[in-house]
Amino acid sequence: MGNSELRGELESRLSVFERDLRQGGFAQVLFNARGEGLADIEDMLIAVGAPRAQAYYVRAIRLALDDKTGYRAFLADWHAADGRPLRDELQLLSIEYLMSEPSLAAESRAWREAF
């Protein structure tokens, strides 16, 4: 994959991550990922120079892995009673992340401007 193709791929994945984060926080990110490519999301955050977003993302993954039953229920149905505690924890983590700085846009600005 060439440099411009890699940049395009990262930009596309970053845009999806940003959209999901704005629409529903880390719960939305994990729900839409459906358990697939979770390490790729982390790699993307590292590649675009977003260490704060990456650290919060890892915290979200740890919450899910610490409650495997709740995580499976949450992935099966956003409104499932068994998944609600995990979803609520992810939402609280999202609020913490979104109410502090630097934002994902600020963190990734240098990477975006380099191209």
N, C-alpha and C. Protein backbone atom coordinates (compact mmCIF):
# COMPACT_ATOMS: atom_id res chain seq x y z
N MET A 1 0.86 -1.17 0.00
CA MET A 1 0.00 0.00 0.00
C MET A 1 0.90 1.23 0.00
N GLY A 2 0.67 2.15 -0.93
CA GLY A 2 1.45 3.37 -1.02
C GLY A 2 1.10 4.36 0.08
N ASN A 3 1.91 5.39 0.20
CA ASN A 3 1.73 6.40 1.24
C ASN A 3 0.37 7.09 1.12
N SER A 4 -0.04 7.46 -0.09
CA SER A 4 -1.32 8.14 -0.25
C SER A 4 -2.49 7.19 0.03
N GLU A 5 -2.33 5.92 -0.33
CA GLU A 5 -3.37 4.94 -0.03
C GLU A 5 -3.50 4.72 1.47
N LEU A 6 -2.34 4.61 2.14
CA LEU A 6 -2.34 4.44 3.60
C LEU A 6 -2.98 5.64 4.27
N ARG A 7 -2.62 6.84 3.82
CA ARG A 7 -3.20 8.06 4.39
C ARG A 7 -4.71 8.07 4.19
N GLY A 8 -5.16 7.70 2.99
CA GLY A 8 -6.60 7.66 2.71
C GLY A 8 -7.32 6.67 3.60
N GLU A 9 -6.71 5.51 3.80
CA GLU A 9 -7.29 4.48 4.68
C GLU A 9 -7.38 4.99 6.11
N LEU A 10 -6.30 5.59 6.60
CA LEU A 10 -6.31 6.12 7.97
C LEU A 10 -7.33 7.25 8.12
N GLU A 11 -7.41 8.13 7.13
CA GLU A 11 -8.36 9.24 7.18
C GLU A 11 -9.79 8.72 7.21
N SER A 12 -10.06 7.71 6.41
CA SER A 12 -11.40 7.13 6.37
C SER A 12 -11.75 6.50 7.73
N ARG A 13 -10.83 5.73 8.29
CA ARG A 13 -11.09 5.08 9.58
C ARG A 13 -11.20 6.10 10.70
N LEU A 14 -10.39 7.17 10.63
CA LEU A 14 -10.47 8.22 11.64
C LEU A 14 -11.82 8.93 11.56
N SER A 15 -12.30 9.19 10.36
CA SER A 15 -13.59 9.84 10.18
C SER A 15 -14.74 9.01 10.75
N VAL A 16 -14.70 7.70 10.52
CA VAL A 16 -15.72 6.81 11.07
C VAL A 16 -15.66 6.82 12.59
N PHE A 17 -14.45 6.74 13.14
CA PHE A 17 -14.28 6.76 14.59
C PHE A 17 -14.82 8.07 15.17
N GLU A 18 -14.47 9.19 14.56
CA GLU A 18 -14.94 10.50 15.04
C GLU A 18 -16.46 10.60 14.99
N ARG A 19 -17.05 10.14 13.89
CA ARG A 19 -18.51 10.17 13.75
C ARG A 19 -19.18 9.33 14.84
N ASP A 20 -18.70 8.10 15.01
CA ASP A 20 -19.29 7.23 16.03
C ASP A 20 -19.13 7.82 17.42
N LEU A 21 -17.96 8.37 17.70
CA LEU A 21 -17.70 8.97 19.01
C LEU A 21 -18.64 10.14 19.27
N ARG A 22 -18.86 10.99 18.27
CA ARG A 22 -19.78 12.12 18.43
C ARG A 22 -21.23 11.65 18.59
N GLN A 23 -21.62 10.62 17.86
CA GLN A 23 -23.01 10.18 17.86
C GLN A 23 -23.39 9.39 19.10
N GLY A 24 -22.45 8.63 19.65
CA GLY A 24 -22.84 7.78 20.78
C GLY A 24 -21.70 7.39 21.69
N GLY A 25 -20.58 8.10 21.60
CA GLY A 25 -19.46 7.83 22.48
C GLY A 25 -18.80 6.50 22.19
N PHE A 26 -18.04 6.05 23.17
CA PHE A 26 -17.30 4.79 23.01
C PHE A 26 -18.26 3.60 22.89
N ALA A 27 -19.45 3.71 23.45
CA ALA A 27 -20.45 2.64 23.28
C ALA A 27 -20.78 2.49 21.80
N GLN A 28 -20.96 3.59 21.11
CA GLN A 28 -21.28 3.54 19.68
C GLN A 28 -20.10 2.98 18.88
N VAL A 29 -18.89 3.39 19.24
CA VAL A 29 -17.69 2.89 18.56
C VAL A 29 -17.63 1.36 18.68
N LEU A 30 -17.79 0.85 19.91
CA LEU A 30 -17.70 -0.60 20.12
C LEU A 30 -18.88 -1.34 19.50
N PHE A 31 -20.06 -0.77 19.60
CA PHE A 31 -21.24 -1.42 19.04
C PHE A 31 -21.10 -1.55 17.53
N ASN A 32 -20.68 -0.48 16.87
CA ASN A 32 -20.56 -0.52 15.41
C ASN A 32 -19.41 -1.41 14.96
N ALA A 33 -18.37 -1.52 15.76
CA ALA A 33 -17.24 -2.40 15.40
C ALA A 33 -17.63 -3.87 15.50
N ARG A 34 -18.59 -4.18 16.36
CA ARG A 34 -19.08 -5.55 16.51
C ARG A 34 -17.99 -6.54 16.89
N GLY A 35 -16.97 -6.05 17.62
CA GLY A 35 -15.90 -6.93 18.06
C GLY A 35 -14.85 -7.20 17.00
N GLU A 36 -14.97 -6.58 15.84
CA GLU A 36 -14.03 -6.79 14.73
C GLU A 36 -13.08 -5.61 14.62
N GLY A 37 -11.83 -5.89 14.39
CA GLY A 37 -10.85 -4.84 14.11
C GLY A 37 -10.56 -3.90 15.26
N LEU A 38 -10.76 -4.36 16.49
CA LEU A 38 -10.55 -3.48 17.64
C LEU A 38 -9.10 -3.04 17.75
N ALA A 39 -8.16 -3.95 17.48
CA ALA A 39 -6.74 -3.59 17.52
C ALA A 39 -6.41 -2.63 16.40
N ASP A 40 -7.08 -2.76 15.25
CA ASP A 40 -6.84 -1.85 14.13
C ASP A 40 -7.25 -0.42 14.48
N ILE A 41 -8.32 -0.28 15.25
CA ILE A 41 -8.74 1.05 15.68
C ILE A 41 -7.67 1.66 16.56
N GLU A 42 -7.15 0.88 17.48
CA GLU A 42 -6.08 1.39 18.34
C GLU A 42 -4.86 1.76 17.51
N ASP A 43 -4.47 0.92 16.58
CA ASP A 43 -3.33 1.21 15.72
C ASP A 43 -3.54 2.51 14.93
N MET A 44 -4.77 2.73 14.46
CA MET A 44 -5.08 3.94 13.72
C MET A 44 -4.90 5.17 14.61
N LEU A 45 -5.38 5.10 15.85
CA LEU A 45 -5.24 6.23 16.77
C LEU A 45 -3.78 6.53 17.07
N ILE A 46 -2.98 5.50 17.17
CA ILE A 46 -1.53 5.69 17.37
C ILE A 46 -0.92 6.33 16.13
N ALA A 47 -1.28 5.83 14.95
CA ALA A 47 -0.70 6.32 13.70
C ALA A 47 -1.03 7.78 13.43
N VAL A 48 -2.21 8.25 13.84
CA VAL A 48 -2.59 9.64 13.57
C VAL A 48 -2.17 10.57 14.71
N GLY A 49 -1.45 10.04 15.68
CA GLY A 49 -0.92 10.88 16.75
C GLY A 49 -1.97 11.33 17.75
N ALA A 50 -2.82 10.41 18.18
CA ALA A 50 -3.88 10.73 19.14
C ALA A 50 -3.73 9.88 20.41
N PRO A 51 -2.68 10.14 21.21
CA PRO A 51 -2.44 9.29 22.38
C PRO A 51 -3.52 9.38 23.45
N ARG A 52 -4.12 10.53 23.61
CA ARG A 52 -5.19 10.66 24.61
C ARG A 52 -6.41 9.85 24.18
N ALA A 53 -6.81 9.99 22.93
CA ALA A 53 -7.95 9.21 22.41
C ALA A 53 -7.64 7.72 22.49
N GLN A 54 -6.42 7.34 22.19
CA GLN A 54 -6.03 5.94 22.24
C GLN A 54 -6.11 5.41 23.67
N ALA A 55 -5.67 6.20 24.64
CA ALA A 55 -5.71 5.76 26.04
C ALA A 55 -7.16 5.57 26.50
N TYR A 56 -8.05 6.47 26.13
CA TYR A 56 -9.46 6.32 26.49
C TYR A 56 -10.07 5.13 25.77
N TYR A 57 -9.72 4.93 24.52
CA TYR A 57 -10.22 3.78 23.76
C TYR A 57 -9.81 2.48 24.44
N VAL A 58 -8.56 2.40 24.89
CA VAL A 58 -8.09 1.20 25.60
C VAL A 58 -8.89 1.02 26.88
N ARG A 59 -9.21 2.09 27.59
CA ARG A 59 -10.04 1.99 28.79
C ARG A 59 -11.42 1.42 28.43
N ALA A 60 -11.98 1.85 27.30
CA ALA A 60 -13.29 1.35 26.86
C ALA A 60 -13.21 -0.15 26.57
N ILE A 61 -12.15 -0.57 25.89
CA ILE A 61 -11.97 -1.99 25.58
C ILE A 61 -11.84 -2.79 26.88
N ARG A 62 -11.10 -2.25 27.83
CA ARG A 62 -10.93 -2.97 29.11
C ARG A 62 -12.27 -3.12 29.84
N LEU A 63 -13.10 -2.08 29.79
CA LEU A 63 -14.43 -2.20 30.40
C LEU A 63 -15.20 -3.35 29.76
N ALA A 64 -15.13 -3.43 28.44
CA ALA A 64 -15.85 -4.49 27.72
C ALA A 64 -15.27 -5.87 28.06
N LEU A 65 -13.96 -5.98 28.10
CA LEU A 65 -13.34 -7.27 28.39
C LEU A 65 -13.54 -7.71 29.83
N ASP A 66 -13.69 -6.75 30.72
CA ASP A 66 -13.95 -7.09 32.13
C ASP A 66 -15.38 -7.57 32.36
N ASP A 67 -16.26 -7.34 31.39
CA ASP A 67 -17.66 -7.76 31.50
C ASP A 67 -18.05 -8.46 30.20
N LYS A 68 -17.45 -9.62 29.96
CA LYS A 68 -17.67 -10.33 28.70
C LYS A 68 -19.14 -10.67 28.45
N THR A 69 -19.84 -11.06 29.50
CA THR A 69 -21.27 -11.39 29.35
C THR A 69 -22.05 -10.14 28.96
N GLY A 70 -21.79 -9.05 29.65
CA GLY A 70 -22.46 -7.79 29.33
C GLY A 70 -22.09 -7.29 27.95
N TYR A 71 -20.83 -7.48 27.56
CA TYR A 71 -20.36 -7.06 26.24
C TYR A 71 -21.08 -7.83 25.14
N ARG A 72 -21.20 -9.15 25.31
CA ARG A 72 -21.91 -9.95 24.32
C ARG A 72 -23.38 -9.54 24.24
N ALA A 73 -24.00 -9.30 25.38
CA ALA A 73 -25.40 -8.87 25.39
C ALA A 73 -25.55 -7.51 24.72
N PHE A 74 -24.63 -6.60 25.01
CA PHE A 74 -24.65 -5.27 24.42
C PHE A 74 -24.51 -5.34 22.90
N LEU A 75 -23.57 -6.17 22.42
CA LEU A 75 -23.38 -6.30 20.97
C LEU A 75 -24.60 -6.92 20.30
N ALA A 76 -25.30 -7.81 20.99
CA ALA A 76 -26.48 -8.44 20.44
C ALA A 76 -27.65 -7.47 20.34
N ASP A 77 -27.74 -6.55 21.29
CA ASP A 77 -28.87 -5.62 21.33
C ASP A 77 -28.49 -4.41 22.18
N TRP A 78 -28.42 -3.26 21.57
CA TRP A 78 -28.05 -2.01 22.26
C TRP A 78 -28.86 -1.81 23.54
N HIS A 79 -30.11 -2.24 23.52
CA HIS A 79 -31.02 -2.00 24.65
C HIS A 79 -31.14 -3.18 25.61
N ALA A 80 -30.35 -4.23 25.39
CA ALA A 80 -30.44 -5.42 26.23
C ALA A 80 -30.16 -5.07 27.69
N ALA A 81 -30.99 -5.59 28.58
CA ALA A 81 -30.83 -5.31 30.01
C ALA A 81 -29.47 -5.78 30.51
N ASP A 82 -29.01 -6.93 30.04
CA ASP A 82 -27.72 -7.45 30.49
C ASP A 82 -26.54 -6.59 30.03
N GLY A 83 -26.72 -5.86 28.95
CA GLY A 83 -25.65 -5.01 28.43
C GLY A 83 -25.72 -3.57 28.88
N ARG A 84 -26.82 -3.22 29.51
CA ARG A 84 -27.02 -1.81 29.92
C ARG A 84 -25.96 -1.30 30.89
N PRO A 85 -25.55 -2.06 31.91
CA PRO A 85 -24.51 -1.54 32.81
C PRO A 85 -23.21 -1.20 32.07
N LEU A 86 -22.80 -2.05 31.15
CA LEU A 86 -21.60 -1.77 30.37
C LEU A 86 -21.82 -0.53 29.51
N ARG A 87 -22.94 -0.46 28.83
CA ARG A 87 -23.23 0.71 27.99
C ARG A 87 -23.18 1.98 28.82
N ASP A 88 -23.75 1.94 30.02
CA ASP A 88 -23.75 3.11 30.90
C ASP A 88 -22.32 3.49 31.31
N GLU A 89 -21.49 2.50 31.62
CA GLU A 89 -20.08 2.78 31.97
C GLU A 89 -19.34 3.39 30.78
N LEU A 90 -19.61 2.88 29.59
CA LEU A 90 -18.97 3.43 28.39
C LEU A 90 -19.42 4.87 28.15
N GLN A 91 -20.68 5.14 28.43
CA GLN A 91 -21.18 6.51 28.25
C GLN A 91 -20.53 7.46 29.24
N LEU A 92 -20.35 7.04 30.47
CA LEU A 92 -19.67 7.88 31.46
C LEU A 92 -18.22 8.14 31.05
N LEU A 93 -17.55 7.13 30.54
CA LEU A 93 -16.19 7.29 30.05
C LEU A 93 -16.17 8.28 28.88
N SER A 94 -17.15 8.19 28.02
CA SER A 94 -17.26 9.09 26.87
C SER A 94 -17.43 10.54 27.30
N ILE A 95 -18.28 10.75 28.28
CA ILE A 95 -18.50 12.10 28.79
C ILE A 95 -17.20 12.67 29.35
N GLU A 96 -16.49 11.85 30.13
CA GLU A 96 -15.20 12.27 30.69
C GLU A 96 -14.24 12.67 29.56
N TYR A 97 -14.17 11.84 28.54
CA TYR A 97 -13.27 12.11 27.41
C TYR A 97 -13.69 13.38 26.66
N LEU A 98 -14.96 13.46 26.31
CA LEU A 98 -15.43 14.55 25.46
C LEU A 98 -15.44 15.91 26.15
N MET A 99 -15.44 15.91 27.49
CA MET A 99 -15.48 17.18 28.21
C MET A 99 -14.09 17.70 28.57
N SER A 100 -13.04 17.04 28.13
CA SER A 100 -11.70 17.50 28.44
C SER A 100 -10.88 17.63 27.15
N GLU A 101 -9.73 18.16 27.29
CA GLU A 101 -8.87 18.44 26.13
C GLU A 101 -7.58 17.64 26.23
N PRO A 102 -6.89 17.44 25.14
CA PRO A 102 -7.22 17.89 23.80
C PRO A 102 -8.23 16.97 23.13
N SER A 103 -8.97 17.53 22.21
CA SER A 103 -9.95 16.75 21.46
C SER A 103 -9.23 15.86 20.45
N LEU A 104 -9.95 14.94 19.89
CA LEU A 104 -9.38 14.08 18.85
C LEU A 104 -8.95 14.92 17.65
N ALA A 105 -9.75 15.90 17.29
CA ALA A 105 -9.39 16.77 16.16
C ALA A 105 -8.09 17.52 16.45
N ALA A 106 -7.94 18.02 17.66
CA ALA A 106 -6.71 18.73 18.02
C ALA A 106 -5.52 17.79 18.03
N GLU A 107 -5.70 16.58 18.55
CA GLU A 107 -4.60 15.62 18.59
C GLU A 107 -4.16 15.22 17.18
N SER A 108 -5.11 15.03 16.29
CA SER A 108 -4.77 14.53 14.95
C SER A 108 -4.47 15.66 13.96
N ARG A 109 -4.57 16.90 14.38
CA ARG A 109 -4.35 18.04 13.47
C ARG A 109 -2.97 17.99 12.82
N ALA A 110 -1.94 17.75 13.59
CA ALA A 110 -0.58 17.72 13.04
C ALA A 110 -0.46 16.64 11.97
N TRP A 111 -1.05 15.48 12.22
CA TRP A 111 -1.01 14.40 11.24
C TRP A 111 -1.74 14.81 9.97
N ARG A 112 -2.93 15.42 10.13
CA ARG A 112 -3.70 15.84 8.97
C ARG A 112 -2.99 16.93 8.17
N GLU A 113 -2.35 17.84 8.86
CA GLU A 113 -1.67 18.95 8.18
C GLU A 113 -0.37 18.50 7.51
N ALA A 114 0.17 17.39 7.90
CA ALA A 114 1.42 16.90 7.31
C ALA A 114 1.23 16.42 5.88
N PHE A 115 -0.01 16.23 5.47
CA PHE A 115 -0.27 15.70 4.11
C PHE A 115 -0.90 16.73 3.25
